[in-house]
N, C-alpha and C. Protein backbone atom coordinates (compact mmCIF):
# COMPACT_ATOMS: atom_id res chain seq x y z
N UNK A 1 -6.05 21.84 22.60
CA UNK A 1 -5.27 21.05 21.53
C UNK A 1 -5.49 19.57 21.85
N UNK A 2 -5.44 19.41 23.28
CA UNK A 2 -5.56 17.75 23.86
C UNK A 2 -6.63 17.05 23.25
N UNK A 3 -7.97 17.89 23.30
CA UNK A 3 -9.06 17.67 23.10
C UNK A 3 -9.30 16.66 21.65
N UNK A 4 -8.32 17.73 20.83
CA UNK A 4 -8.29 17.33 19.52
C UNK A 4 -7.54 16.20 18.72
N UNK A 5 -6.72 15.52 20.01
CA UNK A 5 -5.68 14.41 19.51
C UNK A 5 -6.43 13.08 18.97
N UNK A 6 -7.59 12.81 19.72
CA UNK A 6 -8.18 11.63 18.81
C UNK A 6 -8.74 12.13 17.41
N UNK A 7 -8.96 13.11 17.31
CA UNK A 7 -9.44 13.57 15.91
C UNK A 7 -8.34 13.56 14.83
N UNK A 8 -7.14 14.17 15.18
CA UNK A 8 -6.00 14.12 14.40
C UNK A 8 -5.39 12.61 13.99
N UNK A 9 -5.50 12.07 15.09
CA UNK A 9 -4.89 10.67 14.92
C UNK A 9 -5.99 9.61 13.93
N UNK A 10 -7.24 10.16 14.14
CA UNK A 10 -8.26 9.52 13.47
C UNK A 10 -8.01 9.88 11.87
N UNK A 11 -7.43 11.33 11.47
CA UNK A 11 -7.44 11.42 10.41
C UNK A 11 -6.30 11.03 9.45
N UNK A 12 -5.02 11.04 10.71
CA UNK A 12 -4.12 10.54 10.27
C UNK A 12 -4.19 8.71 9.80
N UNK A 13 -4.74 8.15 10.50
CA UNK A 13 -5.23 6.55 10.54
C UNK A 13 -6.09 6.43 8.99
N UNK A 14 -6.71 7.45 8.92
CA UNK A 14 -7.58 7.24 7.47
C UNK A 14 -6.77 7.76 6.42
N UNK A 15 -5.87 8.58 6.43
CA UNK A 15 -5.07 8.94 5.44
C UNK A 15 -3.91 7.66 5.20
N UNK A 16 -3.46 6.71 6.11
CA UNK A 16 -2.86 5.82 5.90
C UNK A 16 -3.52 4.73 5.34
N UNK A 17 -4.51 4.59 5.58
CA UNK A 17 -5.54 3.63 4.99
C UNK A 17 -6.16 3.56 3.75
N UNK A 18 -6.03 5.05 3.33
CA UNK A 18 -6.15 5.29 1.90
C UNK A 18 -4.90 4.94 1.10
N UNK A 19 -3.76 5.22 1.68
CA UNK A 19 -2.72 5.16 1.16
C UNK A 19 -2.55 3.47 0.81
N UNK A 20 -2.75 2.84 1.60
CA UNK A 20 -2.76 1.31 1.54
C UNK A 20 -3.52 0.88 0.43
N UNK A 21 -4.86 1.41 0.25
CA UNK A 21 -5.76 1.14 -0.78
C UNK A 21 -5.10 1.33 -2.21
N UNK A 22 -4.70 2.76 -2.10
CA UNK A 22 -3.96 3.12 -3.35
C UNK A 22 -2.68 1.92 -3.71
N UNK A 23 -2.04 1.85 -2.85
CA UNK A 23 -0.78 0.80 -2.89
C UNK A 23 -1.28 -0.58 -3.36
N UNK A 24 -2.24 -1.00 -2.57
CA UNK A 24 -2.98 -2.64 -3.41
C UNK A 24 -3.46 -2.44 -4.61
N UNK A 25 -3.76 -1.30 -4.91
CA UNK A 25 -4.38 -1.13 -6.35
C UNK A 25 -3.33 -1.18 -7.22
N UNK A 26 -2.38 -0.42 -6.95
CA UNK A 26 -1.19 -0.92 -7.70
C UNK A 26 -0.72 -2.05 -7.98
N UNK A 27 -0.65 -2.54 -6.78
CA UNK A 27 -0.50 -4.17 -6.87
C UNK A 27 -0.92 -5.07 -7.71
N UNK A 28 -2.30 -4.83 -7.57
CA UNK A 28 -3.22 -5.36 -8.60
C UNK A 28 -2.93 -5.27 -9.95
N UNK A 29 -2.46 -3.99 -10.31
CA UNK A 29 -2.31 -3.62 -11.62
C UNK A 29 -1.39 -4.18 -12.16
N UNK A 30 -0.02 -3.95 -11.44
CA UNK A 30 1.13 -4.75 -11.75
C UNK A 30 0.99 -5.88 -11.91
N UNK A 31 0.19 -6.91 -11.08
CA UNK A 31 0.20 -8.49 -11.13
C UNK A 31 -0.76 -8.78 -12.67
N UNK A 32 -1.62 -7.88 -13.09
CA UNK A 32 -2.31 -8.00 -14.22
C UNK A 32 -1.18 -7.66 -15.49
N UNK A 33 -0.35 -6.58 -15.37
CA UNK A 33 0.77 -6.61 -16.39
C UNK A 33 1.65 -7.77 -16.43
N UNK A 34 2.22 -8.23 -15.05
CA UNK A 34 2.98 -9.33 -14.95
C UNK A 34 2.33 -10.60 -15.91
N UNK A 35 1.12 -10.52 -15.58
CA UNK A 35 0.70 -12.01 -16.22
C UNK A 35 0.79 -11.67 -18.03
N UNK A 36 0.28 -10.68 -18.18
CA UNK A 36 0.15 -10.25 -19.72
C UNK A 36 1.58 -10.51 -20.18
N UNK A 37 2.74 -10.07 -19.58
CA UNK A 37 4.16 -10.47 -20.24
C UNK A 37 4.34 -11.58 -20.00
N UNK A 38 4.03 -12.20 -18.76
CA UNK A 38 4.70 -13.72 -18.88
C UNK A 38 3.89 -14.75 -19.87
N UNK A 39 2.41 -13.95 -20.10
CA UNK A 39 1.92 -15.00 -21.56
C UNK A 39 2.06 -14.59 -22.25
N UNK A 40 2.78 -13.70 -22.90
CA UNK A 40 3.21 -12.96 -24.14
C UNK A 40 4.73 -12.94 -24.61
N UNK A 41 5.23 -13.65 -23.85
CA UNK A 41 7.02 -13.59 -23.99
C UNK A 41 7.26 -13.27 -25.48
N UNK A 42 6.81 -13.89 -26.44
CA UNK A 42 7.31 -14.22 -27.47
C UNK A 42 6.84 -12.46 -28.27
N UNK A 43 5.79 -11.85 -27.89
CA UNK A 43 5.69 -10.68 -28.62
C UNK A 43 6.61 -9.63 -27.86
N UNK A 44 7.00 -9.62 -26.66
CA UNK A 44 7.95 -8.71 -26.20
C UNK A 44 9.07 -8.91 -26.27
N UNK A 45 9.49 -10.16 -27.34
CA UNK A 45 11.13 -10.78 -27.16
C UNK A 45 11.92 -10.29 -26.11
N UNK A 46 12.96 -9.95 -26.34
CA UNK A 46 14.24 -9.67 -25.86
C UNK A 46 14.15 -8.50 -24.76
N UNK A 47 12.74 -7.91 -24.66
CA UNK A 47 12.58 -7.04 -23.49
C UNK A 47 11.55 -7.92 -22.51
N UNK A 48 11.28 -9.11 -23.07
CA UNK A 48 10.24 -9.78 -21.98
C UNK A 48 11.09 -10.03 -20.61
N UNK A 49 12.27 -10.37 -20.16
CA UNK A 49 12.71 -10.85 -18.91
C UNK A 49 12.83 -9.34 -18.28
N UNK A 50 13.21 -8.18 -18.92
CA UNK A 50 13.36 -7.00 -18.26
C UNK A 50 12.20 -6.50 -17.68
N UNK A 51 10.89 -6.59 -18.36
CA UNK A 51 9.61 -6.22 -18.32
C UNK A 51 9.15 -6.98 -17.39
N UNK A 52 9.33 -8.31 -17.26
CA UNK A 52 8.58 -9.39 -16.13
C UNK A 52 9.52 -9.00 -14.89
N UNK A 53 11.05 -8.80 -14.72
CA UNK A 53 11.64 -8.50 -13.46
C UNK A 53 11.28 -7.01 -13.09
N UNK A 54 11.11 -6.29 -13.58
CA UNK A 54 10.28 -5.00 -13.07
C UNK A 54 8.99 -4.88 -12.71
N UNK A 55 8.17 -5.36 -13.09
CA UNK A 55 6.77 -5.81 -12.55
C UNK A 55 6.83 -6.50 -11.20
N UNK A 56 7.58 -7.73 -11.09
CA UNK A 56 7.89 -8.33 -9.87
C UNK A 56 8.72 -7.42 -8.81
N UNK A 57 9.46 -6.93 -9.21
CA UNK A 57 10.01 -5.55 -8.39
C UNK A 57 9.11 -4.78 -7.53
N UNK A 58 8.31 -4.02 -8.57
CA UNK A 58 7.19 -3.16 -8.01
C UNK A 58 6.33 -3.68 -7.56
N UNK A 59 5.90 -4.89 -7.90
CA UNK A 59 4.78 -5.74 -7.03
C UNK A 59 5.39 -5.88 -5.60
N UNK A 60 6.20 -6.20 -5.29
CA UNK A 60 7.11 -6.37 -4.06
C UNK A 60 7.18 -4.97 -3.16
N UNK A 61 7.86 -3.91 -3.84
CA UNK A 61 7.94 -2.96 -3.34
C UNK A 61 6.25 -2.42 -2.89
N UNK A 62 5.04 -2.34 -3.78
CA UNK A 62 4.15 -1.88 -3.28
C UNK A 62 3.31 -2.98 -2.28
N UNK A 63 3.78 -4.12 -2.34
CA UNK A 63 3.07 -5.09 -1.21
C UNK A 63 3.87 -4.88 -0.03
N UNK A 64 4.78 -4.12 0.28
CA UNK A 64 5.54 -3.57 1.56
C UNK A 64 5.26 -2.45 1.75
N UNK A 65 4.88 -1.41 0.72
CA UNK A 65 4.05 -0.37 1.20
C UNK A 65 2.66 -0.31 1.68
N UNK A 66 2.07 -1.11 1.33
CA UNK A 66 0.53 -1.73 1.95
C UNK A 66 0.83 -2.34 3.38
N UNK A 67 1.73 -2.90 3.79
CA UNK A 67 1.92 -3.36 4.96
C UNK A 67 2.34 -2.09 6.10
N UNK A 68 3.15 -1.28 5.40
CA UNK A 68 3.69 -0.17 6.12
C UNK A 68 2.60 0.65 6.57
N UNK A 69 1.84 1.14 5.38
CA UNK A 69 0.86 1.85 5.65
C UNK A 69 -0.24 1.26 6.61
N UNK A 70 -0.70 0.17 6.84
CA UNK A 70 -1.43 -0.40 7.30
C UNK A 70 -1.00 -0.58 8.74
N UNK A 71 0.12 -0.74 8.79
CA UNK A 71 0.63 -0.41 10.42
C UNK A 71 0.58 0.76 11.00
N UNK A 72 1.00 2.04 9.87
CA UNK A 72 1.04 3.33 10.66
C UNK A 72 -0.71 3.59 11.00
N UNK A 73 -1.68 3.18 9.93
CA UNK A 73 -3.25 3.02 10.26
C UNK A 73 -3.51 2.52 11.50
N UNK A 74 -3.06 1.58 11.65
CA UNK A 74 -3.33 0.70 13.20
C UNK A 74 -2.67 1.47 14.30
N UNK A 75 -1.60 2.03 14.17
CA UNK A 75 -0.86 2.78 15.20
C UNK A 75 -1.84 3.60 15.39
N UNK A 76 -2.20 4.68 14.59
CA UNK A 76 -3.01 6.13 14.88
C UNK A 76 -4.41 5.70 15.39
N UNK A 77 -4.98 4.50 14.88
CA UNK A 77 -6.08 4.26 15.51
C UNK A 77 -6.11 3.86 17.08
N UNK A 78 -5.10 3.11 17.35
CA UNK A 78 -4.58 2.80 18.61
C UNK A 78 -4.57 3.79 19.81
N UNK A 79 -3.73 4.90 19.03
CA UNK A 79 -3.52 6.14 19.63
C UNK A 79 -4.81 6.96 20.08
N UNK A 80 -5.51 6.77 18.81
CA UNK A 80 -6.85 7.88 18.79
C UNK A 80 -8.00 6.94 20.04
N UNK A 81 -7.83 5.88 20.37
CA UNK A 81 -8.89 5.21 21.09
C UNK A 81 -8.14 5.59 22.49
N UNK A 82 -6.67 5.29 22.51
CA UNK A 82 -6.19 5.54 23.91
C UNK A 82 -6.38 7.26 24.16
N UNK A 83 -6.33 7.92 23.64
CA UNK A 83 -6.42 9.51 23.66
C UNK A 83 -7.97 9.84 24.23
N UNK A 84 -8.91 8.82 23.71
CA UNK A 84 -10.28 9.14 24.03
C UNK A 84 -10.28 8.82 25.39
N UNK A 85 -9.69 7.73 25.92
CA UNK A 85 -9.86 7.14 27.36
C UNK A 85 -9.14 8.05 28.49
N UNK A 86 -8.34 8.88 27.73
CA UNK A 86 -7.81 9.75 28.96
C UNK A 86 -9.06 10.81 29.79
N UNK A 87 -8.68 11.02 31.03
CA UNK A 87 -9.55 11.89 31.85
C UNK A 87 -8.86 13.14 31.95
């Protein structure tokens, strides 16, 4: 079991890296939507402020998720490296 710890932590790190990449793509997607809403306010009428606010909120949430997932990935990479050095 102990000899598998680096592999397990590498797997977890990869999982968190993949999650961070997915969240980053959501950030980019919502930034494009935000730009669309902000550049076409007359088209969206009374709903424009709500759409803009919602996109900004989602962007912030996804950016926080990116940071959290990167932090978790880095932690697991560190643990995996430490476990490889155990004699």
